[in-house]
Amino acid sequence: MKEDVTYLFVPANKKESFSKALECGADAIIIDLEDSVHPAEKTHGRENIVSWFTAVHGDSITTKIYIRINHPECVDFIQDVKMLNSLGGLR
């Protein structure tokens, strides 16, 4: 099994960058909802993730995709987990 070597972080509020990140040759992309997204844009970031995953569902994506969510003590954590649960049927 090949280990991931390169990780590319992409802010969740920059949806146009998600697909571009897949083309960069990184072993994995990390869509970040934590520090790279201003608190006022976190809801928008979650919406971007859901709409993008819905759009690319079924595409043959070979790059690993991780979603970095907020810390459990952060007020956004519960909404992040709800968003992740909503994606459960897509994979």
PDB file of N, CA and C in Angstrom:
ATOM      1  N   MET A   1       0.848  -1.176   0.000  1.00  0.00           N
ATOM      2  CA  MET A   1       0.000   0.000   0.000  1.00  0.00           C
ATOM      3  C   MET A   1       0.895   1.242   0.000  1.00  0.00           C
ATOM      4  N   LYS A   2       0.636   2.119  -0.918  1.00  0.00           N
ATOM      5  CA  LYS A   2       1.407   3.361  -1.039  1.00  0.00           C
ATOM      6  C   LYS A   2       0.926   4.379  -0.010  1.00  0.00           C
ATOM      7  N   GLU A   3       1.878   4.952   0.714  1.00  0.00           N
ATOM      8  CA  GLU A   3       1.530   5.992   1.671  1.00  0.00           C
ATOM      9  C   GLU A   3       1.311   7.310   0.961  1.00  0.00           C
ATOM     10  N   ASP A   4       0.414   8.126   1.531  1.00  0.00           N
ATOM     11  CA  ASP A   4       0.228   9.473   1.006  1.00  0.00           C
ATOM     12  C   ASP A   4       1.477  10.290   1.330  1.00  0.00           C
ATOM     13  N   VAL A   5       1.950  11.016   0.361  1.00  0.00           N
ATOM     14  CA  VAL A   5       3.143  11.826   0.551  1.00  0.00           C
ATOM     15  C   VAL A   5       2.805  13.314   0.496  1.00  0.00           C
ATOM     16  N   THR A   6       1.984  13.694  -0.454  1.00  0.00           N
ATOM     17  CA  THR A   6       1.653  15.109  -0.603  1.00  0.00           C
ATOM     18  C   THR A   6       0.175  15.358  -0.304  1.00  0.00           C
ATOM     19  N   TYR A   7      -0.047  16.373   0.493  1.00  0.00           N
ATOM     20  CA  TYR A   7      -1.395  16.783   0.870  1.00  0.00           C
ATOM     21  C   TYR A   7      -1.585  18.232   0.428  1.00  0.00           C
ATOM     22  N   LEU A   8      -2.712  18.522  -0.147  1.00  0.00           N
ATOM     23  CA  LEU A   8      -3.010  19.877  -0.576  1.00  0.00           C
ATOM     24  C   LEU A   8      -4.248  20.354   0.173  1.00  0.00           C
ATOM     25  N   PHE A   9      -4.091  21.389   0.987  1.00  0.00           N
ATOM     26  CA  PHE A   9      -5.215  21.959   1.723  1.00  0.00           C
ATOM     27  C   PHE A   9      -5.941  22.954   0.827  1.00  0.00           C
ATOM     28  N   VAL A  10      -7.267  22.871   0.833  1.00  0.00           N
ATOM     29  CA  VAL A  10      -8.099  23.769   0.041  1.00  0.00           C
ATOM     30  C   VAL A  10      -9.172  24.348   0.968  1.00  0.00           C
ATOM     31  N   PRO A  11      -9.266  25.658   1.090  1.00  0.00           N
ATOM     32  CA  PRO A  11     -10.304  26.255   1.939  1.00  0.00           C
ATOM     33  C   PRO A  11     -11.699  25.893   1.433  1.00  0.00           C
ATOM     34  N   ALA A  12     -12.573  25.519   2.353  1.00  0.00           N
ATOM     35  CA  ALA A  12     -13.924  25.094   1.978  1.00  0.00           C
ATOM     36  C   ALA A  12     -14.755  26.213   1.370  1.00  0.00           C
ATOM     37  N   ASN A  13     -14.382  27.453   1.591  1.00  0.00           N
ATOM     38  CA  ASN A  13     -15.146  28.565   1.014  1.00  0.00           C
ATOM     39  C   ASN A  13     -14.678  28.911  -0.398  1.00  0.00           C
ATOM     40  N   LYS A  14     -13.783  28.118  -0.958  1.00  0.00           N
ATOM     41  CA  LYS A  14     -13.263  28.337  -2.320  1.00  0.00           C
ATOM     42  C   LYS A  14     -13.616  27.138  -3.206  1.00  0.00           C
ATOM     43  N   LYS A  15     -14.887  26.941  -3.443  1.00  0.00           N
ATOM     44  CA  LYS A  15     -15.377  25.765  -4.176  1.00  0.00           C
ATOM     45  C   LYS A  15     -14.721  25.602  -5.545  1.00  0.00           C
ATOM     46  N   GLU A  16     -14.418  26.710  -6.215  1.00  0.00           N
ATOM     47  CA  GLU A  16     -13.809  26.624  -7.546  1.00  0.00           C
ATOM     48  C   GLU A  16     -12.432  25.954  -7.486  1.00  0.00           C
ATOM     49  N   SER A  17     -11.851  25.894  -6.308  1.00  0.00           N
ATOM     50  CA  SER A  17     -10.524  25.284  -6.156  1.00  0.00           C
ATOM     51  C   SER A  17     -10.568  23.773  -5.914  1.00  0.00           C
ATOM     52  N   PHE A  18     -11.723  23.220  -5.576  1.00  0.00           N
ATOM     53  CA  PHE A  18     -11.801  21.786  -5.252  1.00  0.00           C
ATOM     54  C   PHE A  18     -11.371  20.925  -6.439  1.00  0.00           C
ATOM     55  N   SER A  19     -12.009  21.125  -7.572  1.00  0.00           N
ATOM     56  CA  SER A  19     -11.684  20.318  -8.753  1.00  0.00           C
ATOM     57  C   SER A  19     -10.279  20.616  -9.266  1.00  0.00           C
ATOM     58  N   LYS A  20      -9.868  21.882  -9.185  1.00  0.00           N
ATOM     59  CA  LYS A  20      -8.507  22.234  -9.597  1.00  0.00           C
ATOM     60  C   LYS A  20      -7.484  21.498  -8.740  1.00  0.00           C
ATOM     61  N   ALA A  21      -7.770  21.358  -7.463  1.00  0.00           N
ATOM     62  CA  ALA A  21      -6.846  20.674  -6.556  1.00  0.00           C
ATOM     63  C   ALA A  21      -6.665  19.212  -6.954  1.00  0.00           C
ATOM     64  N   LEU A  22      -7.720  18.593  -7.459  1.00  0.00           N
ATOM     65  CA  LEU A  22      -7.628  17.192  -7.892  1.00  0.00           C
ATOM     66  C   LEU A  22      -6.652  17.020  -9.051  1.00  0.00           C
ATOM     67  N   GLU A  23      -6.475  18.070  -9.830  1.00  0.00           N
ATOM     68  CA  GLU A  23      -5.617  18.001 -11.012  1.00  0.00           C
ATOM     69  C   GLU A  23      -4.154  18.318 -10.710  1.00  0.00           C
ATOM     70  N   CYS A  24      -3.832  18.648  -9.474  1.00  0.00           N
ATOM     71  CA  CYS A  24      -2.471  19.087  -9.121  1.00  0.00           C
ATOM     72  C   CYS A  24      -1.494  17.948  -8.878  1.00  0.00           C
ATOM     73  N   GLY A  25      -1.960  16.724  -8.812  1.00  0.00           N
ATOM     74  CA  GLY A  25      -1.065  15.595  -8.609  1.00  0.00           C
ATOM     75  C   GLY A  25      -0.786  15.257  -7.162  1.00  0.00           C
ATOM     76  N   ALA A  26      -1.457  15.903  -6.226  1.00  0.00           N
ATOM     77  CA  ALA A  26      -1.278  15.566  -4.817  1.00  0.00           C
ATOM     78  C   ALA A  26      -1.870  14.185  -4.546  1.00  0.00           C
ATOM     79  N   ASP A  27      -1.317  13.504  -3.565  1.00  0.00           N
ATOM     80  CA  ASP A  27      -1.857  12.195  -3.181  1.00  0.00           C
ATOM     81  C   ASP A  27      -3.228  12.332  -2.533  1.00  0.00           C
ATOM     82  N   ALA A  28      -3.447  13.451  -1.853  1.00  0.00           N
ATOM     83  CA  ALA A  28      -4.723  13.689  -1.187  1.00  0.00           C
ATOM     84  C   ALA A  28      -4.981  15.191  -1.110  1.00  0.00           C
ATOM     85  N   ILE A  29      -6.266  15.539  -1.162  1.00  0.00           N
ATOM     86  CA  ILE A  29      -6.630  16.925  -0.898  1.00  0.00           C
ATOM     87  C   ILE A  29      -7.407  16.953   0.410  1.00  0.00           C
ATOM     88  N   ILE A  30      -7.226  18.038   1.120  1.00  0.00           N
ATOM     89  CA  ILE A  30      -7.916  18.221   2.394  1.00  0.00           C
ATOM     90  C   ILE A  30      -8.751  19.483   2.271  1.00  0.00           C
ATOM     91  N   ILE A  31     -10.059  19.310   2.234  1.00  0.00           N
ATOM     92  CA  ILE A  31     -10.957  20.463   2.177  1.00  0.00           C
ATOM     93  C   ILE A  31     -11.122  20.938   3.615  1.00  0.00           C
ATOM     94  N   ASP A  32     -10.675  22.157   3.865  1.00  0.00           N
ATOM     95  CA  ASP A  32     -10.534  22.660   5.230  1.00  0.00           C
ATOM     96  C   ASP A  32     -11.681  23.577   5.629  1.00  0.00           C
ATOM     97  N   LEU A  33     -12.376  23.183   6.690  1.00  0.00           N
ATOM     98  CA  LEU A  33     -13.419  24.020   7.279  1.00  0.00           C
ATOM     99  C   LEU A  33     -12.932  24.722   8.541  1.00  0.00           C
ATOM    100  N   GLU A  34     -11.717  24.407   8.963  1.00  0.00           N
ATOM    101  CA  GLU A  34     -11.245  24.940  10.240  1.00  0.00           C
ATOM    102  C   GLU A  34     -10.577  26.298  10.067  1.00  0.00           C
ATOM    103  N   ASP A  35      -9.250  26.380  10.235  1.00  0.00           N
ATOM    104  CA  ASP A  35      -8.610  27.692  10.290  1.00  0.00           C
ATOM    105  C   ASP A  35      -8.564  28.465   8.982  1.00  0.00           C
ATOM    106  N   SER A  36      -8.687  27.833   7.856  1.00  0.00           N
ATOM    107  CA  SER A  36      -8.573  28.589   6.598  1.00  0.00           C
ATOM    108  C   SER A  36      -9.881  29.275   6.197  1.00  0.00           C
ATOM    109  N   VAL A  37     -10.934  29.063   6.977  1.00  0.00           N
ATOM    110  CA  VAL A  37     -12.238  29.658   6.648  1.00  0.00           C
ATOM    111  C   VAL A  37     -12.669  30.597   7.781  1.00  0.00           C
ATOM    112  N   HIS A  38     -12.945  31.831   7.417  1.00  0.00           N
ATOM    113  CA  HIS A  38     -13.432  32.819   8.387  1.00  0.00           C
ATOM    114  C   HIS A  38     -14.741  32.317   8.992  1.00  0.00           C
ATOM    115  N   PRO A  39     -14.960  32.543  10.291  1.00  0.00           N
ATOM    116  CA  PRO A  39     -16.195  32.071  10.927  1.00  0.00           C
ATOM    117  C   PRO A  39     -17.475  32.475  10.191  1.00  0.00           C
ATOM    118  N   ALA A  40     -17.484  33.648   9.596  1.00  0.00           N
ATOM    119  CA  ALA A  40     -18.680  34.106   8.882  1.00  0.00           C
ATOM    120  C   ALA A  40     -18.926  33.327   7.591  1.00  0.00           C
ATOM    121  N   GLU A  41     -17.931  32.563   7.112  1.00  0.00           N
ATOM    122  CA  GLU A  41     -18.062  31.833   5.853  1.00  0.00           C
ATOM    123  C   GLU A  41     -18.140  30.319   6.032  1.00  0.00           C
ATOM    124  N   LYS A  42     -18.191  29.850   7.263  1.00  0.00           N
ATOM    125  CA  LYS A  42     -18.202  28.403   7.505  1.00  0.00           C
ATOM    126  C   LYS A  42     -19.471  27.738   6.967  1.00  0.00           C
ATOM    127  N   THR A  43     -20.611  28.388   7.114  1.00  0.00           N
ATOM    128  CA  THR A  43     -21.848  27.826   6.560  1.00  0.00           C
ATOM    129  C   THR A  43     -21.725  27.711   5.051  1.00  0.00           C
ATOM    130  N   HIS A  44     -21.198  28.725   4.423  1.00  0.00           N
ATOM    131  CA  HIS A  44     -20.980  28.709   2.971  1.00  0.00           C
ATOM    132  C   HIS A  44     -20.016  27.580   2.601  1.00  0.00           C
ATOM    133  N   GLY A  45     -18.990  27.375   3.401  1.00  0.00           N
ATOM    134  CA  GLY A  45     -18.040  26.296   3.156  1.00  0.00           C
ATOM    135  C   GLY A  45     -18.708  24.931   3.197  1.00  0.00           C
ATOM    136  N   ARG A  46     -19.562  24.717   4.189  1.00  0.00           N
ATOM    137  CA  ARG A  46     -20.295  23.433   4.272  1.00  0.00           C
ATOM    138  C   ARG A  46     -21.202  23.255   3.056  1.00  0.00           C
ATOM    139  N   GLU A  47     -21.876  24.312   2.650  1.00  0.00           N
ATOM    140  CA  GLU A  47     -22.737  24.241   1.462  1.00  0.00           C
ATOM    141  C   GLU A  47     -21.913  23.905   0.224  1.00  0.00           C
ATOM    142  N   ASN A  48     -20.728  24.490   0.101  1.00  0.00           N
ATOM    143  CA  ASN A  48     -19.842  24.191  -1.026  1.00  0.00           C
ATOM    144  C   ASN A  48     -19.466  22.716  -1.058  1.00  0.00           C
ATOM    145  N   ILE A  49     -19.126  22.171   0.085  1.00  0.00           N
ATOM    146  CA  ILE A  49     -18.728  20.765   0.155  1.00  0.00           C
ATOM    147  C   ILE A  49     -19.869  19.864  -0.287  1.00  0.00           C
ATOM    148  N   VAL A  50     -21.059  20.093   0.247  1.00  0.00           N
ATOM    149  CA  VAL A  50     -22.215  19.249  -0.105  1.00  0.00           C
ATOM    150  C   VAL A  50     -22.524  19.358  -1.594  1.00  0.00           C
ATOM    151  N   SER A  51     -22.567  20.574  -2.134  1.00  0.00           N
ATOM    152  CA  SER A  51     -22.928  20.715  -3.554  1.00  0.00           C
ATOM    153  C   SER A  51     -21.849  20.122  -4.457  1.00  0.00           C
ATOM    154  N   TRP A  52     -20.573  20.282  -4.089  1.00  0.00           N
ATOM    155  CA  TRP A  52     -19.500  19.729  -4.914  1.00  0.00           C
ATOM    156  C   TRP A  52     -19.518  18.205  -4.875  1.00  0.00           C
ATOM    157  N   PHE A  53     -19.634  17.622  -3.687  1.00  0.00           N
ATOM    158  CA  PHE A  53     -19.669  16.163  -3.594  1.00  0.00           C
ATOM    159  C   PHE A  53     -20.870  15.594  -4.331  1.00  0.00           C
ATOM    160  N   THR A  54     -21.995  16.278  -4.281  1.00  0.00           N
ATOM    161  CA  THR A  54     -23.183  15.826  -5.011  1.00  0.00           C
ATOM    162  C   THR A  54     -22.916  15.866  -6.510  1.00  0.00           C
ATOM    163  N   ALA A  55     -22.257  16.910  -6.975  1.00  0.00           N
ATOM    164  CA  ALA A  55     -21.975  17.072  -8.409  1.00  0.00           C
ATOM    165  C   ALA A  55     -20.973  16.036  -8.921  1.00  0.00           C
ATOM    166  N   VAL A  56     -19.973  15.697  -8.116  1.00  0.00           N
ATOM    167  CA  VAL A  56     -18.930  14.773  -8.591  1.00  0.00           C
ATOM    168  C   VAL A  56     -19.207  13.320  -8.201  1.00  0.00           C
ATOM    169  N   HIS A  57     -20.289  13.082  -7.483  1.00  0.00           N
ATOM    170  CA  HIS A  57     -20.632  11.711  -7.081  1.00  0.00           C
ATOM    171  C   HIS A  57     -20.726  10.824  -8.321  1.00  0.00           C
ATOM    172  N   GLY A  58     -20.018   9.734  -8.287  1.00  0.00           N
ATOM    173  CA  GLY A  58     -20.015   8.822  -9.421  1.00  0.00           C
ATOM    174  C   GLY A  58     -18.856   9.032 -10.366  1.00  0.00           C
ATOM    175  N   ASP A  59     -18.201  10.191 -10.291  1.00  0.00           N
ATOM    176  CA  ASP A  59     -17.007  10.421 -11.108  1.00  0.00           C
ATOM    177  C   ASP A  59     -15.899   9.498 -10.618  1.00  0.00           C
ATOM    178  N   SER A  60     -15.008   9.171 -11.498  1.00  0.00           N
ATOM    179  CA  SER A  60     -13.916   8.278 -11.109  1.00  0.00           C
ATOM    180  C   SER A  60     -12.748   9.092 -10.545  1.00  0.00           C
ATOM    181  N   ILE A  61     -12.890   9.503  -9.311  1.00  0.00           N
ATOM    182  CA  ILE A  61     -11.854  10.273  -8.630  1.00  0.00           C
ATOM    183  C   ILE A  61     -10.946   9.290  -7.905  1.00  0.00           C
ATOM    184  N   THR A  62      -9.659   9.372  -8.189  1.00  0.00           N
ATOM    185  CA  THR A  62      -8.712   8.460  -7.545  1.00  0.00           C
ATOM    186  C   THR A  62      -7.924   9.123  -6.423  1.00  0.00           C
ATOM    187  N   THR A  63      -7.961  10.424  -6.355  1.00  0.00           N
ATOM    188  CA  THR A  63      -7.277  11.157  -5.290  1.00  0.00           C
ATOM    189  C   THR A  63      -8.077  11.011  -4.001  1.00  0.00           C
ATOM    190  N   LYS A  64      -7.378  10.783  -2.899  1.00  0.00           N
ATOM    191  CA  LYS A  64      -8.065  10.725  -1.612  1.00  0.00           C
ATOM    192  C   LYS A  64      -8.530  12.126  -1.245  1.00  0.00           C
ATOM    193  N   ILE A  65      -9.720  12.186  -0.647  1.00  0.00           N
ATOM    194  CA  ILE A  65     -10.290  13.466  -0.242  1.00  0.00           C
ATOM    195  C   ILE A  65     -10.637  13.379   1.239  1.00  0.00           C
ATOM    196  N   TYR A  66     -10.093  14.311   2.004  1.00  0.00           N
ATOM    197  CA  TYR A  66     -10.384  14.402   3.427  1.00  0.00           C
ATOM    198  C   TYR A  66     -11.058  15.741   3.681  1.00  0.00           C
ATOM    199  N   ILE A  67     -11.872  15.785   4.726  1.00  0.00           N
ATOM    200  CA  ILE A  67     -12.504  17.037   5.127  1.00  0.00           C
ATOM    201  C   ILE A  67     -12.070  17.324   6.553  1.00  0.00           C
ATOM    202  N   ARG A  68     -11.432  18.451   6.731  1.00  0.00           N
ATOM    203  CA  ARG A  68     -10.978  18.869   8.062  1.00  0.00           C
ATOM    204  C   ARG A  68     -12.083  19.715   8.679  1.00  0.00           C
ATOM    205  N   ILE A  69     -12.621  19.235   9.788  1.00  0.00           N
ATOM    206  CA  ILE A  69     -13.716  19.953  10.443  1.00  0.00           C
ATOM    207  C   ILE A  69     -13.196  20.689  11.677  1.00  0.00           C
ATOM    208  N   ASN A  70     -14.079  21.452  12.282  1.00  0.00           N
ATOM    209  CA  ASN A  70     -13.728  22.246  13.445  1.00  0.00           C
ATOM    210  C   ASN A  70     -13.622  21.376  14.705  1.00  0.00           C
ATOM    211  N   HIS A  71     -12.909  21.888  15.665  1.00  0.00           N
ATOM    212  CA  HIS A  71     -12.679  21.215  16.947  1.00  0.00           C
ATOM    213  C   HIS A  71     -14.020  20.977  17.661  1.00  0.00           C
ATOM    214  N   PRO A  72     -14.151  19.878  18.406  1.00  0.00           N
ATOM    215  CA  PRO A  72     -15.408  19.596  19.113  1.00  0.00           C
ATOM    216  C   PRO A  72     -15.879  20.703  20.054  1.00  0.00           C
ATOM    217  N   GLU A  73     -14.976  21.518  20.550  1.00  0.00           N
ATOM    218  CA  GLU A  73     -15.393  22.603  21.436  1.00  0.00           C
ATOM    219  C   GLU A  73     -15.817  23.858  20.678  1.00  0.00           C
ATOM    220  N   CYS A  74     -15.666  23.850  19.373  1.00  0.00           N
ATOM    221  CA  CYS A  74     -16.064  24.986  18.538  1.00  0.00           C
ATOM    222  C   CYS A  74     -17.568  24.918  18.266  1.00  0.00           C
ATOM    223  N   VAL A  75     -18.196  26.086  18.180  1.00  0.00           N
ATOM    224  CA  VAL A  75     -19.639  26.131  17.935  1.00  0.00           C
ATOM    225  C   VAL A  75     -20.020  25.536  16.577  1.00  0.00           C
ATOM    226  N   ASP A  76     -19.088  25.487  15.644  1.00  0.00           N
ATOM    227  CA  ASP A  76     -19.387  24.961  14.305  1.00  0.00           C
ATOM    228  C   ASP A  76     -19.265  23.444  14.199  1.00  0.00           C
ATOM    229  N   PHE A  77     -18.731  22.807  15.215  1.00  0.00           N
ATOM    230  CA  PHE A  77     -18.478  21.371  15.162  1.00  0.00           C
ATOM    231  C   PHE A  77     -19.754  20.564  14.859  1.00  0.00           C
ATOM    232  N   ILE A  78     -20.838  20.842  15.567  1.00  0.00           N
ATOM    233  CA  ILE A  78     -22.095  20.083  15.380  1.00  0.00           C
ATOM    234  C   ILE A  78     -22.578  20.209  13.943  1.00  0.00           C
ATOM    235  N   GLN A  79     -22.531  21.411  13.380  1.00  0.00           N
ATOM    236  CA  GLN A  79     -22.970  21.603  11.994  1.00  0.00           C
ATOM    237  C   GLN A  79     -22.045  20.866  11.024  1.00  0.00           C
ATOM    238  N   ASP A  80     -20.757  20.836  11.337  1.00  0.00           N
ATOM    239  CA  ASP A  80     -19.810  20.099  10.496  1.00  0.00           C
ATOM    240  C   ASP A  80     -20.150  18.606  10.488  1.00  0.00           C
ATOM    241  N   VAL A  81     -20.430  18.050  11.649  1.00  0.00           N
ATOM    242  CA  VAL A  81     -20.758  16.623  11.749  1.00  0.00           C
ATOM    243  C   VAL A  81     -22.073  16.331  11.011  1.00  0.00           C
ATOM    244  N   LYS A  82     -23.049  17.197  11.137  1.00  0.00           N
ATOM    245  CA  LYS A  82     -24.320  17.018  10.407  1.00  0.00           C
ATOM    246  C   LYS A  82     -24.062  17.019   8.907  1.00  0.00           C
ATOM    247  N   MET A  83     -23.195  17.922   8.456  1.00  0.00           N
ATOM    248  CA  MET A  83     -22.855  17.982   7.032  1.00  0.00           C
ATOM    249  C   MET A  83     -22.192  16.681   6.594  1.00  0.00           C
ATOM    250  N   LEU A  84     -21.244  16.193   7.384  1.00  0.00           N
ATOM    251  CA  LEU A  84     -20.585  14.920   7.044  1.00  0.00           C
ATOM    252  C   LEU A  84     -21.582  13.773   6.974  1.00  0.00           C
ATOM    253  N   ASN A  85     -22.510  13.734   7.927  1.00  0.00           N
ATOM    254  CA  ASN A  85     -23.532  12.685   7.916  1.00  0.00           C
ATOM    255  C   ASN A  85     -24.402  12.760   6.668  1.00  0.00           C
ATOM    256  N   SER A  86     -24.651  13.980   6.192  1.00  0.00           N
ATOM    257  CA  SER A  86     -25.469  14.127   4.990  1.00  0.00           C
ATOM    258  C   SER A  86     -24.767  13.582   3.750  1.00  0.00           C
ATOM    259  N   LEU A  87     -23.448  13.494   3.805  1.00  0.00           N
ATOM    260  CA  LEU A  87     -22.663  12.967   2.675  1.00  0.00           C
ATOM    261  C   LEU A  87     -22.575  11.447   2.694  1.00  0.00           C
ATOM    262  N   GLY A  88     -23.000  10.831   3.762  1.00  0.00           N
ATOM    263  CA  GLY A  88     -22.846   9.393   3.937  1.00  0.00           C
ATOM    264  C   GLY A  88     -23.357   8.545   2.791  1.00  0.00           C
ATOM    265  N   GLY A  89     -24.431   8.949   2.177  1.00  0.00           N
ATOM    266  CA  GLY A  89     -25.012   8.175   1.080  1.00  0.00           C
ATOM    267  C   GLY A  89     -24.302   8.355  -0.255  1.00  0.00           C
ATOM    268  N   LEU A  90     -23.354   9.275  -0.311  1.00  0.00           N
ATOM    269  CA  LEU A  90     -22.698   9.554  -1.589  1.00  0.00           C
ATOM    270  C   LEU A  90     -21.512   8.657  -1.858  1.00  0.00           C
ATOM    271  N   ARG A  91     -20.978   8.004  -0.887  1.00  0.00           N
ATOM    272  CA  ARG A  91     -19.776   7.203  -1.110  1.00  0.00           C
ATOM    273  C   ARG A  91     -20.035   5.755  -0.948  1.00  0.00           C
TER     274      ARG A  91
END
